[in-house]
Amino acid sequence: MHPKLAGRTDSIEKIVVTMMDAPMIRDQQAEESRRLPRTHEDADHSFTFLPVVAMVDGDVGERQFEHERWMTPQIRGLIEKVDLRVSRELGLKAPGSMPCHIRVMLAGGETLEAECLYPPGHTFTDRGLDEGVVEWKFRRCAEGALSNGVIDQIIGALGAANGAKTPADVAALLC
């Protein structure tokens, strides 16, 4: 959605976030602390903050949580424009997944839409997990906390860990 908006977030009038209809989704959508997050933990699980910050920044990572972004006037104003919904049909389009459809209405009548049926890293029963996506995510999360050499060592050890049975077996590969 970020590229479609191309810096026009100030012209957003309404954001409709539609997710599959499941009791867990309905419960989380109803939680005030997730709807209007006040803490990092709330924001990290917020169906309003996460899509908004992704639209503004084009990314969701540690940087998006710095300086309590969920409380800034720009982000808070957009969060308040989010309408959370559920759809049984959306869930049927992507069995076993957590699909999402986002519609953004802009001033002047333009509407932008995006849908994600299977998010990156989704585990498919017939082909498993996409190791490339997992490695990308690990590198991104470890960046800044570990050196590239240590990151490569961990990835190499985990690649060799296909026969490992316990976390201790994996840890032994890193020593």
C-alpha atoms as a PDB file:
ATOM      1  CA  MET A   1       0.000   0.000   0.000  1.00  0.00           C
ATOM      2  CA  HIS A   2       2.896   2.353   0.787  1.00  0.00           C
ATOM      3  CA  PRO A   3       3.995   2.755  -2.861  1.00  0.00           C
ATOM      4  CA  LYS A   4       0.396   3.364  -3.940  1.00  0.00           C
ATOM      5  CA  LEU A   5       0.041   6.158  -1.396  1.00  0.00           C
ATOM      6  CA  ALA A   6       3.324   7.784  -2.457  1.00  0.00           C
ATOM      7  CA  GLY A   7       3.436  10.254   0.448  1.00  0.00           C
ATOM      8  CA  ARG A   8      -0.285  11.057   0.335  1.00  0.00           C
ATOM      9  CA  THR A   9      -1.130   9.775   3.810  1.00  0.00           C
ATOM     10  CA  ASP A  10      -2.391  13.231   4.757  1.00  0.00           C
ATOM     11  CA  SER A  11      -5.236  12.784   2.246  1.00  0.00           C
ATOM     12  CA  ILE A  12      -6.514   9.543   3.820  1.00  0.00           C
ATOM     13  CA  GLU A  13     -10.135   9.847   4.881  1.00  0.00           C
ATOM     14  CA  LYS A  14     -10.833   6.257   5.899  1.00  0.00           C
ATOM     15  CA  ILE A  15      -9.007   2.930   6.205  1.00  0.00           C
ATOM     16  CA  VAL A  16     -10.966  -0.321   6.214  1.00  0.00           C
ATOM     17  CA  VAL A  17      -9.029  -3.336   7.506  1.00  0.00           C
ATOM     18  CA  THR A  18     -10.898  -6.586   6.886  1.00  0.00           C
ATOM     19  CA  MET A  19      -9.667  -9.829   8.393  1.00  0.00           C
ATOM     20  CA  MET A  20     -10.979 -13.373   8.447  1.00  0.00           C
ATOM     21  CA  ASP A  21     -13.937 -13.969  10.717  1.00  0.00           C
ATOM     22  CA  ALA A  22     -12.659 -15.935  13.700  1.00  0.00           C
ATOM     23  CA  PRO A  23     -13.378 -15.584  17.431  1.00  0.00           C
ATOM     24  CA  MET A  24      -9.736 -14.654  18.157  1.00  0.00           C
ATOM     25  CA  ILE A  25      -9.827 -11.874  15.541  1.00  0.00           C
ATOM     26  CA  ARG A  26     -13.152 -10.529  16.811  1.00  0.00           C
ATOM     27  CA  ASP A  27     -11.850 -10.544  20.402  1.00  0.00           C
ATOM     28  CA  GLN A  28      -8.656  -8.704  19.483  1.00  0.00           C
ATOM     29  CA  GLN A  29     -10.486  -6.171  17.335  1.00  0.00           C
ATOM     30  CA  ALA A  30     -12.733  -5.399  20.310  1.00  0.00           C
ATOM     31  CA  GLU A  31      -9.861  -4.760  22.743  1.00  0.00           C
ATOM     32  CA  GLU A  32      -9.556  -1.013  23.323  1.00  0.00           C
ATOM     33  CA  SER A  33      -5.838  -1.319  24.148  1.00  0.00           C
ATOM     34  CA  ARG A  34      -5.173  -2.809  20.715  1.00  0.00           C
ATOM     35  CA  ARG A  35      -7.497  -0.431  18.923  1.00  0.00           C
ATOM     36  CA  LEU A  36      -5.830   2.631  20.465  1.00  0.00           C
ATOM     37  CA  PRO A  37      -2.445   1.379  21.682  1.00  0.00           C
ATOM     38  CA  ARG A  38      -0.704   3.102  24.585  1.00  0.00           C
ATOM     39  CA  THR A  39       2.255   0.754  25.100  1.00  0.00           C
ATOM     40  CA  HIS A  40       4.797  -1.034  22.900  1.00  0.00           C
ATOM     41  CA  GLU A  41       3.076  -4.339  23.696  1.00  0.00           C
ATOM     42  CA  ASP A  42      -0.314  -2.958  22.634  1.00  0.00           C
ATOM     43  CA  ALA A  43       1.130  -1.495  19.427  1.00  0.00           C
ATOM     44  CA  ASP A  44       2.974  -4.725  18.612  1.00  0.00           C
ATOM     45  CA  HIS A  45      -0.391  -6.524  18.454  1.00  0.00           C
ATOM     46  CA  SER A  46      -2.553  -3.704  17.132  1.00  0.00           C
ATOM     47  CA  PHE A  47      -4.645  -4.245  14.008  1.00  0.00           C
ATOM     48  CA  THR A  48      -4.845  -0.454  13.673  1.00  0.00           C
ATOM     49  CA  PHE A  49      -1.262   0.665  14.365  1.00  0.00           C
ATOM     50  CA  LEU A  50       0.535  -1.959  12.274  1.00  0.00           C
ATOM     51  CA  PRO A  51      -1.220  -1.265   8.958  1.00  0.00           C
ATOM     52  CA  VAL A  52      -1.063   2.492   9.531  1.00  0.00           C
ATOM     53  CA  VAL A  53       2.664   2.563  10.222  1.00  0.00           C
ATOM     54  CA  ALA A  54       3.267   0.240   7.248  1.00  0.00           C
ATOM     55  CA  MET A  55       1.385   2.680   5.007  1.00  0.00           C
ATOM     56  CA  VAL A  56       3.344   5.657   6.306  1.00  0.00           C
ATOM     57  CA  ASP A  57       6.818   4.086   6.392  1.00  0.00           C
ATOM     58  CA  GLY A  58       6.561   1.199   3.953  1.00  0.00           C
ATOM     59  CA  ASP A  59       7.956  -1.071   6.643  1.00  0.00           C
ATOM     60  CA  VAL A  60       7.241  -2.646  10.001  1.00  0.00           C
ATOM     61  CA  GLY A  61      10.305  -3.252  12.135  1.00  0.00           C
ATOM     62  CA  GLU A  62      11.939  -2.057  15.324  1.00  0.00           C
ATOM     63  CA  ARG A  63      12.303   1.484  13.963  1.00  0.00           C
ATOM     64  CA  GLN A  64       8.531   1.846  13.719  1.00  0.00           C
ATOM     65  CA  PHE A  65       8.250   1.350  17.493  1.00  0.00           C
ATOM     66  CA  GLU A  66      10.838   3.953  18.453  1.00  0.00           C
ATOM     67  CA  HIS A  67       9.723   7.063  20.332  1.00  0.00           C
ATOM     68  CA  GLU A  68       6.229   5.651  20.911  1.00  0.00           C
ATOM     69  CA  ARG A  69       5.171   6.300  17.308  1.00  0.00           C
ATOM     70  CA  TRP A  70       1.665   5.014  18.085  1.00  0.00           C
ATOM     71  CA  MET A  71       1.168   8.144  20.193  1.00  0.00           C
ATOM     72  CA  THR A  72       2.353  10.745  17.646  1.00  0.00           C
ATOM     73  CA  PRO A  73      -0.341  13.017  16.211  1.00  0.00           C
ATOM     74  CA  GLN A  74       0.204  11.786  12.629  1.00  0.00           C
ATOM     75  CA  ILE A  75      -0.053   8.084  13.459  1.00  0.00           C
ATOM     76  CA  ARG A  76      -2.794   8.534  16.070  1.00  0.00           C
ATOM     77  CA  GLY A  77      -4.849  10.543  13.596  1.00  0.00           C
ATOM     78  CA  LEU A  78      -4.621   7.745  11.032  1.00  0.00           C
ATOM     79  CA  ILE A  79      -5.346   5.061  13.640  1.00  0.00           C
ATOM     80  CA  GLU A  80      -8.587   6.863  14.421  1.00  0.00           C
ATOM     81  CA  LYS A  81      -9.585   6.554  10.743  1.00  0.00           C
ATOM     82  CA  VAL A  82      -9.330   2.749  10.801  1.00  0.00           C
ATOM     83  CA  ASP A  83     -12.525   0.715  10.623  1.00  0.00           C
ATOM     84  CA  LEU A  84     -11.901  -2.923  11.614  1.00  0.00           C
ATOM     85  CA  ARG A  85     -14.095  -5.586  10.031  1.00  0.00           C
ATOM     86  CA  VAL A  86     -14.266  -9.352   9.593  1.00  0.00           C
ATOM     87  CA  SER A  87     -15.286 -11.424   6.596  1.00  0.00           C
ATOM     88  CA  ARG A  88     -16.144 -15.108   6.444  1.00  0.00           C
ATOM     89  CA  GLU A  89     -15.506 -15.058   2.679  1.00  0.00           C
ATOM     90  CA  LEU A  90     -11.963 -13.756   3.132  1.00  0.00           C
ATOM     91  CA  GLY A  91     -11.157 -16.687   5.412  1.00  0.00           C
ATOM     92  CA  LEU A  92     -12.522 -19.128   2.845  1.00  0.00           C
ATOM     93  CA  LYS A  93     -10.186 -17.686   0.176  1.00  0.00           C
ATOM     94  CA  ALA A  94      -7.117 -18.612   2.242  1.00  0.00           C
ATOM     95  CA  PRO A  95      -7.695 -21.682   4.418  1.00  0.00           C
ATOM     96  CA  GLY A  96      -5.163 -22.092   7.219  1.00  0.00           C
ATOM     97  CA  SER A  97      -3.943 -18.512   6.876  1.00  0.00           C
ATOM     98  CA  MET A  98      -4.658 -15.120   8.446  1.00  0.00           C
ATOM     99  CA  PRO A  99      -5.668 -13.133   5.340  1.00  0.00           C
ATOM    100  CA  CYS A 100      -6.217  -9.400   5.310  1.00  0.00           C
ATOM    101  CA  HIS A 101      -7.760  -6.910   2.900  1.00  0.00           C
ATOM    102  CA  ILE A 102      -7.138  -3.179   3.217  1.00  0.00           C
ATOM    103  CA  ARG A 103      -9.114  -0.444   1.480  1.00  0.00           C
ATOM    104  CA  VAL A 104      -8.027   3.176   1.767  1.00  0.00           C
ATOM    105  CA  MET A 105     -10.329   6.029   0.767  1.00  0.00           C
ATOM    106  CA  LEU A 106      -8.615   9.285  -0.121  1.00  0.00           C
ATOM    107  CA  ALA A 107      -9.900  12.827  -0.394  1.00  0.00           C
ATOM    108  CA  GLY A 108     -11.205  13.349  -3.901  1.00  0.00           C
ATOM    109  CA  GLY A 109     -12.788   9.903  -4.104  1.00  0.00           C
ATOM    110  CA  GLU A 110      -9.804   7.719  -4.989  1.00  0.00           C
ATOM    111  CA  THR A 111      -9.813   4.260  -3.403  1.00  0.00           C
ATOM    112  CA  LEU A 112      -6.738   2.043  -3.022  1.00  0.00           C
ATOM    113  CA  GLU A 113      -6.916  -1.657  -2.175  1.00  0.00           C
ATOM    114  CA  ALA A 114      -4.472  -4.378  -1.230  1.00  0.00           C
ATOM    115  CA  GLU A 115      -4.991  -7.960  -0.154  1.00  0.00           C
ATOM    116  CA  CYS A 116      -2.653 -10.479   1.419  1.00  0.00           C
ATOM    117  CA  LEU A 117      -3.998 -14.014   1.503  1.00  0.00           C
ATOM    118  CA  TYR A 118      -0.791 -15.749   2.603  1.00  0.00           C
ATOM    119  CA  PRO A 119       1.747 -13.525   4.379  1.00  0.00           C
ATOM    120  CA  PRO A 120       5.484 -14.017   3.771  1.00  0.00           C
ATOM    121  CA  GLY A 121       6.675 -16.874   5.943  1.00  0.00           C
ATOM    122  CA  HIS A 122       3.352 -18.718   5.891  1.00  0.00           C
ATOM    123  CA  THR A 123       3.822 -22.469   6.344  1.00  0.00           C
ATOM    124  CA  PHE A 124       2.058 -24.440   3.651  1.00  0.00           C
ATOM    125  CA  THR A 125       1.258 -28.056   4.518  1.00  0.00           C
ATOM    126  CA  ASP A 126       2.378 -29.303   1.097  1.00  0.00           C
ATOM    127  CA  ARG A 127       5.659 -27.357   0.826  1.00  0.00           C
ATOM    128  CA  GLY A 128       6.548 -26.180   4.313  1.00  0.00           C
ATOM    129  CA  LEU A 129       8.097 -22.896   5.307  1.00  0.00           C
ATOM    130  CA  ASP A 130       9.929 -20.626   2.881  1.00  0.00           C
ATOM    131  CA  GLU A 131      13.455 -20.739   4.305  1.00  0.00           C
ATOM    132  CA  GLY A 132      14.468 -17.616   2.385  1.00  0.00           C
ATOM    133  CA  VAL A 133      11.792 -15.560   4.124  1.00  0.00           C
ATOM    134  CA  VAL A 134      12.768 -16.962   7.528  1.00  0.00           C
ATOM    135  CA  GLU A 135      16.433 -16.145   6.915  1.00  0.00           C
ATOM    136  CA  TRP A 136      15.576 -12.613   5.736  1.00  0.00           C
ATOM    137  CA  LYS A 137      13.475 -12.025   8.858  1.00  0.00           C
ATOM    138  CA  PHE A 138      16.164 -13.402  11.165  1.00  0.00           C
ATOM    139  CA  ARG A 139      18.845 -11.229   9.555  1.00  0.00           C
ATOM    140  CA  ARG A 140      16.622  -8.201   9.890  1.00  0.00           C
ATOM    141  CA  CYS A 141      15.827  -8.879  13.564  1.00  0.00           C
ATOM    142  CA  ALA A 142      19.436  -9.699  14.464  1.00  0.00           C
ATOM    143  CA  GLU A 143      20.895  -6.727  12.572  1.00  0.00           C
ATOM    144  CA  GLY A 144      22.458  -4.297  15.013  1.00  0.00           C
ATOM    145  CA  ALA A 145      22.437  -6.817  17.853  1.00  0.00           C
ATOM    146  CA  LEU A 146      24.836  -9.311  16.281  1.00  0.00           C
ATOM    147  CA  SER A 147      27.690  -8.998  13.817  1.00  0.00           C
ATOM    148  CA  ASN A 148      27.171 -10.289  10.281  1.00  0.00           C
ATOM    149  CA  GLY A 149      29.683 -13.044  11.003  1.00  0.00           C
ATOM    150  CA  VAL A 150      27.712 -14.290  14.010  1.00  0.00           C
ATOM    151  CA  ILE A 151      24.459 -14.044  12.044  1.00  0.00           C
ATOM    152  CA  ASP A 152      26.004 -16.142   9.250  1.00  0.00           C
ATOM    153  CA  GLN A 153      27.298 -18.648  11.820  1.00  0.00           C
ATOM    154  CA  ILE A 154      23.860 -19.054  13.388  1.00  0.00           C
ATOM    155  CA  ILE A 155      22.168 -19.450  10.000  1.00  0.00           C
ATOM    156  CA  GLY A 156      24.785 -22.001   8.968  1.00  0.00           C
ATOM    157  CA  ALA A 157      24.389 -23.922  12.210  1.00  0.00           C
ATOM    158  CA  LEU A 158      20.621 -23.949  11.927  1.00  0.00           C
ATOM    159  CA  GLY A 159      20.898 -25.121   8.333  1.00  0.00           C
ATOM    160  CA  ALA A 160      23.001 -28.022   9.598  1.00  0.00           C
ATOM    161  CA  ALA A 161      20.512 -28.610  12.404  1.00  0.00           C
ATOM    162  CA  ASN A 162      17.946 -30.448  10.333  1.00  0.00           C
ATOM    163  CA  GLY A 163      18.686 -33.533  12.432  1.00  0.00           C
ATOM    164  CA  ALA A 164      18.743 -31.660  15.746  1.00  0.00           C
ATOM    165  CA  LYS A 165      16.158 -32.844  18.232  1.00  0.00           C
ATOM    166  CA  THR A 166      16.451 -30.207  20.968  1.00  0.00           C
ATOM    167  CA  PRO A 167      17.421 -26.542  21.323  1.00  0.00           C
ATOM    168  CA  ALA A 168      20.590 -27.778  23.075  1.00  0.00           C
ATOM    169  CA  ASP A 169      21.529 -29.698  19.912  1.00  0.00           C
ATOM    170  CA  VAL A 170      21.243 -26.455  17.911  1.00  0.00           C
ATOM    171  CA  ALA A 171      23.167 -24.465  20.549  1.00  0.00           C
ATOM    172  CA  ALA A 172      25.989 -27.030  20.431  1.00  0.00           C
ATOM    173  CA  LEU A 173      26.361 -26.314  16.716  1.00  0.00           C
ATOM    174  CA  LEU A 174      27.102 -22.652  17.515  1.00  0.00           C
ATOM    175  CA  CYS A 175      30.017 -23.415  19.892  1.00  0.00           C
END
